[in-house]
All heavy atoms as atom14 arrays in JSON, in Angstrom:
{
  "sequence": "LRALELRTGIADLNNQRQKLTLQLGGLEDDYNKTQAELAATITEL",
  "atom14_mask": [
    [1, 1, 1, 1, 1, 1, 1, 1, 0, 0, 0, 0, 0, 0],
    [1, 1, 1, 1, 1, 1, 1, 1, 1, 1, 1, 0, 0, 0],
    [1, 1, 1, 1, 1, 0, 0, 0, 0, 0, 0, 0, 0, 0],
    [1, 1, 1, 1, 1, 1, 1, 1, 0, 0, 0, 0, 0, 0],
    [1, 1, 1, 1, 1, 1, 1, 1, 1, 0, 0, 0, 0, 0],
    [1, 1, 1, 1, 1, 1, 1, 1, 0, 0, 0, 0, 0, 0],
    [1, 1, 1, 1, 1, 1, 1, 1, 1, 1, 1, 0, 0, 0],
    [1, 1, 1, 1, 1, 1, 1, 0, 0, 0, 0, 0, 0, 0],
    [1, 1, 1, 1, 0, 0, 0, 0, 0, 0, 0, 0, 0, 0],
    [1, 1, 1, 1, 1, 1, 1, 1, 0, 0, 0, 0, 0, 0],
    [1, 1, 1, 1, 1, 0, 0, 0, 0, 0, 0, 0, 0, 0],
    [1, 1, 1, 1, 1, 1, 1, 1, 0, 0, 0, 0, 0, 0],
    [1, 1, 1, 1, 1, 1, 1, 1, 0, 0, 0, 0, 0, 0],
    [1, 1, 1, 1, 1, 1, 1, 1, 0, 0, 0, 0, 0, 0],
    [1, 1, 1, 1, 1, 1, 1, 1, 0, 0, 0, 0, 0, 0],
    [1, 1, 1, 1, 1, 1, 1, 1, 1, 0, 0, 0, 0, 0],
    [1, 1, 1, 1, 1, 1, 1, 1, 1, 1, 1, 0, 0, 0],
    [1, 1, 1, 1, 1, 1, 1, 1, 1, 0, 0, 0, 0, 0],
    [1, 1, 1, 1, 1, 1, 1, 1, 1, 0, 0, 0, 0, 0],
    [1, 1, 1, 1, 1, 1, 1, 1, 0, 0, 0, 0, 0, 0],
    [1, 1, 1, 1, 1, 1, 1, 0, 0, 0, 0, 0, 0, 0],
    [1, 1, 1, 1, 1, 1, 1, 1, 0, 0, 0, 0, 0, 0],
    [1, 1, 1, 1, 1, 1, 1, 1, 1, 0, 0, 0, 0, 0],
    [1, 1, 1, 1, 1, 1, 1, 1, 0, 0, 0, 0, 0, 0],
    [1, 1, 1, 1, 0, 0, 0, 0, 0, 0, 0, 0, 0, 0],
    [1, 1, 1, 1, 0, 0, 0, 0, 0, 0, 0, 0, 0, 0],
    [1, 1, 1, 1, 1, 1, 1, 1, 0, 0, 0, 0, 0, 0],
    [1, 1, 1, 1, 1, 1, 1, 1, 1, 0, 0, 0, 0, 0],
    [1, 1, 1, 1, 1, 1, 1, 1, 0, 0, 0, 0, 0, 0],
    [1, 1, 1, 1, 1, 1, 1, 1, 0, 0, 0, 0, 0, 0],
    [1, 1, 1, 1, 1, 1, 1, 1, 1, 1, 1, 1, 0, 0],
    [1, 1, 1, 1, 1, 1, 1, 1, 0, 0, 0, 0, 0, 0],
    [1, 1, 1, 1, 1, 1, 1, 1, 1, 0, 0, 0, 0, 0],
    [1, 1, 1, 1, 1, 1, 1, 0, 0, 0, 0, 0, 0, 0],
    [1, 1, 1, 1, 1, 1, 1, 1, 1, 0, 0, 0, 0, 0],
    [1, 1, 1, 1, 1, 0, 0, 0, 0, 0, 0, 0, 0, 0],
    [1, 1, 1, 1, 1, 1, 1, 1, 1, 0, 0, 0, 0, 0],
    [1, 1, 1, 1, 1, 1, 1, 1, 0, 0, 0, 0, 0, 0],
    [1, 1, 1, 1, 1, 0, 0, 0, 0, 0, 0, 0, 0, 0],
    [1, 1, 1, 1, 1, 0, 0, 0, 0, 0, 0, 0, 0, 0],
    [1, 1, 1, 1, 1, 1, 1, 0, 0, 0, 0, 0, 0, 0],
    [1, 1, 1, 1, 1, 1, 1, 1, 0, 0, 0, 0, 0, 0],
    [1, 1, 1, 1, 1, 1, 1, 0, 0, 0, 0, 0, 0, 0],
    [1, 1, 1, 1, 1, 1, 1, 1, 1, 0, 0, 0, 0, 0],
    [1, 1, 1, 1, 1, 1, 1, 1, 0, 0, 0, 0, 0, 0]
  ],
  "atom14_positions": [
    [[-45.61, -10.03, 6.16], [-44.76, -9.59, 5.07], [-45.47, -8.57, 4.19], [-44.88, -7.56, 3.78], [-44.31, -10.79, 4.24], [-43.42, -10.51, 3.04], [-42.12, -9.84, 3.48], [-43.11, -11.79, 2.27], [0.0, 0.0, 0.0], [0.0, 0.0, 0.0], [0.0, 0.0, 0.0], [0.0, 0.0, 0.0], [0.0, 0.0, 0.0], [0.0, 0.0, 0.0]],
    [[-46.74, -8.82, 3.91], [-47.49, -7.85, 3.11], [-47.64, -6.51, 3.84], [-47.54, -5.44, 3.23], [-48.87, -8.42, 2.76], [-48.82, -9.49, 1.68], [-50.21, -9.77, 1.15], [-51.07, -10.36, 2.18], [-51.2, -11.66, 2.39], [-50.53, -12.52, 1.62], [-52.0, -12.12, 3.32], [0.0, 0.0, 0.0], [0.0, 0.0, 0.0], [0.0, 0.0, 0.0]],
    [[-47.85, -6.58, 5.16], [-47.94, -5.32, 5.93], [-46.61, -4.57, 5.91], [-46.57, -3.33, 5.81], [-48.36, -5.64, 7.37], [0.0, 0.0, 0.0], [0.0, 0.0, 0.0], [0.0, 0.0, 0.0], [0.0, 0.0, 0.0], [0.0, 0.0, 0.0], [0.0, 0.0, 0.0], [0.0, 0.0, 0.0], [0.0, 0.0, 0.0], [0.0, 0.0, 0.0]],
    [[-45.49, -5.3, 5.99], [-44.17, -4.65, 5.94], [-43.92, -4.03, 4.58], [-43.35, -2.93, 4.47], [-43.09, -5.69, 6.26], [-41.64, -5.2, 6.22], [-41.41, -4.13, 7.29], [-40.67, -6.37, 6.42], [0.0, 0.0, 0.0], [0.0, 0.0, 0.0], [0.0, 0.0, 0.0], [0.0, 0.0, 0.0], [0.0, 0.0, 0.0], [0.0, 0.0, 0.0]],
    [[-44.36, -4.68, 3.51], [-44.18, -4.13, 2.17], [-44.98, -2.84, 2.01], [-44.51, -1.87, 1.4], [-44.6, -5.16, 1.13], [-43.66, -6.36, 1.02], [-44.16, -7.39, 0.04], [-45.31, -7.22, -0.46], [-43.44, -8.38, -0.23], [0.0, 0.0, 0.0], [0.0, 0.0, 0.0], [0.0, 0.0, 0.0], [0.0, 0.0, 0.0], [0.0, 0.0, 0.0]],
    [[-46.19, -2.84, 2.54], [-47.0, -1.62, 2.45], [-46.41, -0.49, 3.28], [-46.49, 0.69, 2.9], [-48.44, -1.92, 2.9], [-49.24, -2.86, 1.99], [-50.6, -3.14, 2.62], [-49.39, -2.29, 0.59], [0.0, 0.0, 0.0], [0.0, 0.0, 0.0], [0.0, 0.0, 0.0], [0.0, 0.0, 0.0], [0.0, 0.0, 0.0], [0.0, 0.0, 0.0]],
    [[-45.81, -0.81, 4.42], [-45.26, 0.22, 5.3], [-43.94, 0.78, 4.78], [-43.66, 1.97, 4.89], [-45.09, -0.35, 6.71], [-44.67, 0.7, 7.75], [-44.72, 0.15, 9.16], [-43.81, -0.97, 9.35], [-44.19, -2.24, 9.47], [-45.49, -2.56, 9.4], [-43.31, -3.21, 9.65], [0.0, 0.0, 0.0], [0.0, 0.0, 0.0], [0.0, 0.0, 0.0]],
    [[-43.09, -0.04, 4.21], [-41.77, 0.39, 3.76], [-41.71, 0.7, 2.28], [-40.74, 1.31, 1.82], [-40.73, -0.69, 4.1], [-41.09, -1.92, 3.44], [-40.67, -0.94, 5.59], [0.0, 0.0, 0.0], [0.0, 0.0, 0.0], [0.0, 0.0, 0.0], [0.0, 0.0, 0.0], [0.0, 0.0, 0.0], [0.0, 0.0, 0.0], [0.0, 0.0, 0.0]],
    [[-42.71, 0.27, 1.53], [-42.68, 0.49, 0.09], [-41.81, -0.47, -0.67], [-41.53, -0.26, -1.86], [0.0, 0.0, 0.0], [0.0, 0.0, 0.0], [0.0, 0.0, 0.0], [0.0, 0.0, 0.0], [0.0, 0.0, 0.0], [0.0, 0.0, 0.0], [0.0, 0.0, 0.0], [0.0, 0.0, 0.0], [0.0, 0.0, 0.0], [0.0, 0.0, 0.0]],
    [[-41.35, -1.51, -0.03], [-40.51, -2.52, -0.69], [-41.42, -3.59, -1.25], [-42.08, -4.34, -0.49], [-39.49, -3.13, 0.29], [-38.58, -2.04, 0.85], [-38.68, -4.21, -0.39], [-37.62, -2.56, 1.91], [0.0, 0.0, 0.0], [0.0, 0.0, 0.0], [0.0, 0.0, 0.0], [0.0, 0.0, 0.0], [0.0, 0.0, 0.0], [0.0, 0.0, 0.0]],
    [[-41.49, -3.67, -2.56], [-42.37, -4.66, -3.19], [-41.68, -6.01, -3.36], [-42.27, -7.05, -3.12], [-42.86, -4.15, -4.54], [0.0, 0.0, 0.0], [0.0, 0.0, 0.0], [0.0, 0.0, 0.0], [0.0, 0.0, 0.0], [0.0, 0.0, 0.0], [0.0, 0.0, 0.0], [0.0, 0.0, 0.0], [0.0, 0.0, 0.0], [0.0, 0.0, 0.0]],
    [[-40.4, -5.93, -3.78], [-39.65, -7.16, -4.02], [-38.49, -7.2, -3.02], [-37.51, -6.47, -3.17], [-39.15, -7.21, -5.45], [-38.59, -8.59, -5.81], [-38.46, -9.45, -4.9], [-38.28, -8.82, -7.0], [0.0, 0.0, 0.0], [0.0, 0.0, 0.0], [0.0, 0.0, 0.0], [0.0, 0.0, 0.0], [0.0, 0.0, 0.0], [0.0, 0.0, 0.0]],
    [[-38.63, -8.01, -2.0], [-37.61, -8.05, -0.96], [-36.29, -8.63, -1.47], [-35.21, -8.13, -1.13], [-38.11, -8.87, 0.23], [-37.2, -8.9, 1.46], [-37.01, -7.49, 2.0], [-37.79, -9.82, 2.53], [0.0, 0.0, 0.0], [0.0, 0.0, 0.0], [0.0, 0.0, 0.0], [0.0, 0.0, 0.0], [0.0, 0.0, 0.0], [0.0, 0.0, 0.0]],
    [[-36.36, -9.63, -2.32], [-35.13, -10.23, -2.84], [-34.37, -9.25, -3.73], [-33.14, -9.14, -3.66], [-35.47, -11.5, -3.62], [-36.01, -12.6, -2.72], [-35.63, -12.7, -1.56], [-36.89, -13.43, -3.26], [0.0, 0.0, 0.0], [0.0, 0.0, 0.0], [0.0, 0.0, 0.0], [0.0, 0.0, 0.0], [0.0, 0.0, 0.0], [0.0, 0.0, 0.0]],
    [[-35.12, -8.53, -4.57], [-34.47, -7.55, -5.44], [-33.86, -6.42, -4.62], [-32.74, -5.97, -4.9], [-35.49, -7.0, -6.43], [-34.86, -6.13, -7.5], [-33.64, -6.17, -7.69], [-35.67, -5.35, -8.18], [0.0, 0.0, 0.0], [0.0, 0.0, 0.0], [0.0, 0.0, 0.0], [0.0, 0.0, 0.0], [0.0, 0.0, 0.0], [0.0, 0.0, 0.0]],
    [[-34.59, -6.0, -3.57], [-34.05, -4.95, -2.71], [-32.8, -5.42, -1.98], [-31.83, -4.67, -1.84], [-35.12, -4.52, -1.71], [-34.74, -3.33, -0.86], [-34.73, -2.05, -1.67], [-35.28, -1.99, -2.77], [-34.1, -1.0, -1.13], [0.0, 0.0, 0.0], [0.0, 0.0, 0.0], [0.0, 0.0, 0.0], [0.0, 0.0, 0.0], [0.0, 0.0, 0.0]],
    [[-32.81, -6.65, -1.53], [-31.63, -7.2, -0.85], [-30.45, -7.28, -1.8], [-29.3, -6.99, -1.43], [-31.96, -8.58, -0.29], [-30.8, -9.19, 0.51], [-31.1, -10.62, 0.95], [-32.23, -10.68, 1.86], [-33.44, -11.19, 1.55], [-33.64, -11.65, 0.32], [-34.41, -11.2, 2.43], [0.0, 0.0, 0.0], [0.0, 0.0, 0.0], [0.0, 0.0, 0.0]],
    [[-30.69, -7.65, -3.05], [-29.6, -7.73, -4.03], [-29.02, -6.35, -4.32], [-27.79, -6.19, -4.41], [-30.13, -8.37, -5.32], [-29.05, -8.61, -6.37], [-29.6, -9.32, -7.59], [-30.78, -9.59, -7.68], [-28.71, -9.61, -8.53], [0.0, 0.0, 0.0], [0.0, 0.0, 0.0], [0.0, 0.0, 0.0], [0.0, 0.0, 0.0], [0.0, 0.0, 0.0]],
    [[-29.87, -5.35, -4.44], [-29.38, -3.99, -4.69], [-28.56, -3.48, -3.51], [-27.49, -2.88, -3.69], [-30.56, -3.07, -4.95], [-31.25, -3.3, -6.28], [-32.38, -2.3, -6.48], [-33.05, -2.53, -7.83], [-34.19, -1.58, -8.04], [0.0, 0.0, 0.0], [0.0, 0.0, 0.0], [0.0, 0.0, 0.0], [0.0, 0.0, 0.0], [0.0, 0.0, 0.0]],
    [[-29.05, -3.72, -2.29], [-28.31, -3.28, -1.12], [-26.97, -4.0, -1.01], [-25.96, -3.42, -0.6], [-29.14, -3.52, 0.15], [-30.39, -2.63, 0.3], [-31.16, -3.03, 1.54], [-29.98, -1.16, 0.37], [0.0, 0.0, 0.0], [0.0, 0.0, 0.0], [0.0, 0.0, 0.0], [0.0, 0.0, 0.0], [0.0, 0.0, 0.0], [0.0, 0.0, 0.0]],
    [[-26.95, -5.27, -1.41], [-25.68, -6.01, -1.37], [-24.68, -5.44, -2.36], [-23.48, -5.27, -2.05], [-25.94, -7.5, -1.68], [-26.88, -8.02, -0.74], [-24.66, -8.3, -1.59], [0.0, 0.0, 0.0], [0.0, 0.0, 0.0], [0.0, 0.0, 0.0], [0.0, 0.0, 0.0], [0.0, 0.0, 0.0], [0.0, 0.0, 0.0], [0.0, 0.0, 0.0]],
    [[-25.16, -5.11, -3.57], [-24.27, -4.5, -4.56], [-23.79, -3.12, -4.08], [-22.61, -2.76, -4.26], [-24.99, -4.38, -5.9], [-25.34, -5.72, -6.59], [-26.15, -5.45, -7.87], [-24.07, -6.5, -6.92], [0.0, 0.0, 0.0], [0.0, 0.0, 0.0], [0.0, 0.0, 0.0], [0.0, 0.0, 0.0], [0.0, 0.0, 0.0], [0.0, 0.0, 0.0]],
    [[-24.68, -2.34, -3.5], [-24.3, -1.02, -3.01], [-23.28, -1.14, -1.88], [-22.3, -0.36, -1.83], [-25.54, -0.27, -2.54], [-25.26, 1.16, -2.12], [-26.54, 1.87, -1.72], [-27.63, 1.29, -1.77], [-26.42, 3.14, -1.33], [0.0, 0.0, 0.0], [0.0, 0.0, 0.0], [0.0, 0.0, 0.0], [0.0, 0.0, 0.0], [0.0, 0.0, 0.0]],
    [[-23.49, -2.09, -0.98], [-22.53, -2.3, 0.1], [-21.18, -2.73, -0.44], [-20.12, -2.27, 0.05], [-23.08, -3.36, 1.06], [-22.2, -3.7, 2.26], [-21.97, -2.46, 3.13], [-22.82, -4.82, 3.08], [0.0, 0.0, 0.0], [0.0, 0.0, 0.0], [0.0, 0.0, 0.0], [0.0, 0.0, 0.0], [0.0, 0.0, 0.0], [0.0, 0.0, 0.0]],
    [[-21.18, -3.58, -1.48], [-19.91, -3.98, -2.09], [-19.17, -2.79, -2.7], [-17.94, -2.66, -2.57], [0.0, 0.0, 0.0], [0.0, 0.0, 0.0], [0.0, 0.0, 0.0], [0.0, 0.0, 0.0], [0.0, 0.0, 0.0], [0.0, 0.0, 0.0], [0.0, 0.0, 0.0], [0.0, 0.0, 0.0], [0.0, 0.0, 0.0], [0.0, 0.0, 0.0]],
    [[-19.9, -1.87, -3.37], [-19.27, -0.69, -3.93], [-18.69, 0.23, -2.86], [-17.59, 0.78, -3.02], [0.0, 0.0, 0.0], [0.0, 0.0, 0.0], [0.0, 0.0, 0.0], [0.0, 0.0, 0.0], [0.0, 0.0, 0.0], [0.0, 0.0, 0.0], [0.0, 0.0, 0.0], [0.0, 0.0, 0.0], [0.0, 0.0, 0.0], [0.0, 0.0, 0.0]],
    [[-19.43, 0.41, -1.77], [-18.93, 1.24, -0.67], [-17.68, 0.63, -0.04], [-16.74, 1.36, 0.34], [-20.03, 1.42, 0.38], [-21.24, 2.25, -0.06], [-22.29, 2.26, 1.04], [-20.82, 3.68, -0.42], [0.0, 0.0, 0.0], [0.0, 0.0, 0.0], [0.0, 0.0, 0.0], [0.0, 0.0, 0.0], [0.0, 0.0, 0.0], [0.0, 0.0, 0.0]],
    [[-17.64, -0.68, 0.1], [-16.44, -1.32, 0.63], [-15.25, -1.12, -0.3], [-14.11, -0.91, 0.18], [-16.72, -2.81, 0.85], [-17.67, -3.11, 2.01], [-17.9, -4.59, 2.2], [-17.46, -5.36, 1.31], [-18.53, -4.98, 3.2], [0.0, 0.0, 0.0], [0.0, 0.0, 0.0], [0.0, 0.0, 0.0], [0.0, 0.0, 0.0], [0.0, 0.0, 0.0]],
    [[-15.45, -1.18, -1.61], [-14.36, -0.94, -2.56], [-13.85, 0.51, -2.43], [-12.62, 0.75, -2.43], [-14.83, -1.21, -3.99], [-15.11, -2.7, -4.21], [-14.58, -3.53, -3.44], [-15.87, -3.04, -5.15], [0.0, 0.0, 0.0], [0.0, 0.0, 0.0], [0.0, 0.0, 0.0], [0.0, 0.0, 0.0], [0.0, 0.0, 0.0], [0.0, 0.0, 0.0]],
    [[-14.77, 1.49, -2.34], [-14.35, 2.88, -2.18], [-13.6, 3.08, -0.87], [-12.61, 3.85, -0.81], [-15.57, 3.79, -2.22], [-16.25, 3.79, -3.59], [-15.57, 3.41, -4.58], [-17.45, 4.13, -3.68], [0.0, 0.0, 0.0], [0.0, 0.0, 0.0], [0.0, 0.0, 0.0], [0.0, 0.0, 0.0], [0.0, 0.0, 0.0], [0.0, 0.0, 0.0]],
    [[-14.07, 2.41, 0.18], [-13.39, 2.54, 1.47], [-11.98, 1.99, 1.4], [-11.02, 2.61, 1.9], [-14.2, 1.8, 2.53], [-13.53, 1.75, 3.88], [-13.49, 2.86, 4.72], [-12.92, 0.57, 4.33], [-12.87, 2.81, 5.96], [-12.28, 0.5, 5.55], [-12.26, 1.63, 6.37], [-11.65, 1.57, 7.59], [0.0, 0.0, 0.0], [0.0, 0.0, 0.0]],
    [[-11.82, 0.84, 0.78], [-10.48, 0.26, 0.65], [-9.56, 1.15, -0.21], [-8.37, 1.33, 0.1], [-10.55, -1.13, 0.05], [-11.26, -2.12, 0.97], [-11.21, -1.97, 2.19], [-11.91, -3.13, 0.4], [0.0, 0.0, 0.0], [0.0, 0.0, 0.0], [0.0, 0.0, 0.0], [0.0, 0.0, 0.0], [0.0, 0.0, 0.0], [0.0, 0.0, 0.0]],
    [[-10.11, 1.75, -1.27], [-9.32, 2.63, -2.13], [-8.91, 3.89, -1.37], [-7.75, 4.34, -1.47], [-10.14, 2.98, -3.36], [-9.39, 3.86, -4.36], [-10.26, 4.14, -5.58], [-9.52, 5.03, -6.58], [-10.38, 5.32, -7.76], [0.0, 0.0, 0.0], [0.0, 0.0, 0.0], [0.0, 0.0, 0.0], [0.0, 0.0, 0.0], [0.0, 0.0, 0.0]],
    [[-9.82, 4.45, -0.58], [-9.51, 5.65, 0.21], [-8.45, 5.34, 1.25], [-7.54, 6.16, 1.52], [-10.78, 6.17, 0.86], [-11.77, 6.42, -0.16], [-10.52, 7.46, 1.62], [0.0, 0.0, 0.0], [0.0, 0.0, 0.0], [0.0, 0.0, 0.0], [0.0, 0.0, 0.0], [0.0, 0.0, 0.0], [0.0, 0.0, 0.0], [0.0, 0.0, 0.0]],
    [[-8.56, 4.16, 1.88], [-7.56, 3.78, 2.86], [-6.18, 3.65, 2.23], [-5.16, 4.06, 2.83], [-7.97, 2.43, 3.5], [-9.15, 2.53, 4.46], [-8.81, 3.28, 5.72], [-9.24, 4.4, 5.93], [-7.98, 2.67, 6.55], [0.0, 0.0, 0.0], [0.0, 0.0, 0.0], [0.0, 0.0, 0.0], [0.0, 0.0, 0.0], [0.0, 0.0, 0.0]],
    [[-6.13, 3.09, 1.01], [-4.84, 2.96, 0.33], [-4.27, 4.34, -0.01], [-3.05, 4.61, 0.18], [-5.0, 2.12, -0.94], [0.0, 0.0, 0.0], [0.0, 0.0, 0.0], [0.0, 0.0, 0.0], [0.0, 0.0, 0.0], [0.0, 0.0, 0.0], [0.0, 0.0, 0.0], [0.0, 0.0, 0.0], [0.0, 0.0, 0.0], [0.0, 0.0, 0.0]],
    [[-5.1, 5.27, -0.51], [-4.62, 6.62, -0.83], [-4.16, 7.35, 0.43], [-3.15, 8.08, 0.42], [-5.73, 7.39, -1.52], [-6.07, 6.86, -2.92], [-7.22, 7.63, -3.55], [-7.81, 8.5, -2.84], [-7.53, 7.38, -4.74], [0.0, 0.0, 0.0], [0.0, 0.0, 0.0], [0.0, 0.0, 0.0], [0.0, 0.0, 0.0], [0.0, 0.0, 0.0]],
    [[-4.9, 7.17, 1.54], [-4.5, 7.8, 2.78], [-3.16, 7.28, 3.27], [-2.29, 8.06, 3.73], [-5.58, 7.57, 3.85], [-5.3, 8.13, 5.25], [-5.15, 9.65, 5.18], [-6.41, 7.74, 6.22], [0.0, 0.0, 0.0], [0.0, 0.0, 0.0], [0.0, 0.0, 0.0], [0.0, 0.0, 0.0], [0.0, 0.0, 0.0], [0.0, 0.0, 0.0]],
    [[-2.93, 5.99, 3.15], [-1.65, 5.42, 3.57], [-0.5, 5.96, 2.71], [0.59, 6.29, 3.21], [-1.71, 3.9, 3.51], [0.0, 0.0, 0.0], [0.0, 0.0, 0.0], [0.0, 0.0, 0.0], [0.0, 0.0, 0.0], [0.0, 0.0, 0.0], [0.0, 0.0, 0.0], [0.0, 0.0, 0.0], [0.0, 0.0, 0.0], [0.0, 0.0, 0.0]],
    [[-0.76, 6.08, 1.4], [0.29, 6.61, 0.51], [0.58, 8.08, 0.84], [1.75, 8.52, 0.84], [-0.15, 6.45, -0.94], [0.0, 0.0, 0.0], [0.0, 0.0, 0.0], [0.0, 0.0, 0.0], [0.0, 0.0, 0.0], [0.0, 0.0, 0.0], [0.0, 0.0, 0.0], [0.0, 0.0, 0.0], [0.0, 0.0, 0.0], [0.0, 0.0, 0.0]],
    [[-0.45, 8.85, 1.13], [-0.25, 10.26, 1.46], [0.53, 10.41, 2.76], [1.43, 11.27, 2.9], [-1.6, 10.96, 1.58], [-2.31, 10.8, 0.34], [-1.43, 12.45, 1.86], [0.0, 0.0, 0.0], [0.0, 0.0, 0.0], [0.0, 0.0, 0.0], [0.0, 0.0, 0.0], [0.0, 0.0, 0.0], [0.0, 0.0, 0.0], [0.0, 0.0, 0.0]],
    [[0.2, 9.57, 3.77], [0.92, 9.63, 5.04], [2.39, 9.27, 4.85], [3.3, 9.91, 5.41], [0.24, 8.7, 6.06], [-1.14, 9.25, 6.46], [1.09, 8.55, 7.31], [-1.93, 8.34, 7.34], [0.0, 0.0, 0.0], [0.0, 0.0, 0.0], [0.0, 0.0, 0.0], [0.0, 0.0, 0.0], [0.0, 0.0, 0.0], [0.0, 0.0, 0.0]],
    [[2.67, 8.26, 4.02], [4.06, 7.87, 3.76], [4.83, 8.99, 3.06], [5.99, 9.29, 3.39], [4.08, 6.59, 2.91], [3.36, 5.57, 3.59], [5.5, 6.13, 2.66], [0.0, 0.0, 0.0], [0.0, 0.0, 0.0], [0.0, 0.0, 0.0], [0.0, 0.0, 0.0], [0.0, 0.0, 0.0], [0.0, 0.0, 0.0], [0.0, 0.0, 0.0]],
    [[4.2, 9.63, 2.09], [4.85, 10.74, 1.38], [5.11, 11.92, 2.33], [6.17, 12.56, 2.27], [3.98, 11.17, 0.22], [4.61, 12.27, -0.65], [3.74, 12.66, -1.82], [2.63, 12.08, -1.94], [4.16, 13.53, -2.61], [0.0, 0.0, 0.0], [0.0, 0.0, 0.0], [0.0, 0.0, 0.0], [0.0, 0.0, 0.0], [0.0, 0.0, 0.0]],
    [[4.15, 12.18, 3.22], [4.32, 13.27, 4.17], [5.47, 13.0, 5.13], [6.28, 13.9, 5.43], [3.03, 13.48, 4.96], [3.05, 14.53, 6.05], [3.35, 15.92, 5.45], [1.75, 14.55, 6.81], [0.0, 0.0, 0.0], [0.0, 0.0, 0.0], [0.0, 0.0, 0.0], [0.0, 0.0, 0.0], [0.0, 0.0, 0.0], [0.0, 0.0, 0.0]]
  ]
}
């Protein structure tokens, strides 16, 4: 684990995992919003 931290620069694995989880949640929200806008645009067209 210490060798992996030195190689990747990740000091706190739990904190990094929490940040990636929050970022993934935000990307999923944007994806769902884009899908809804695309469906509305297709219906209007």
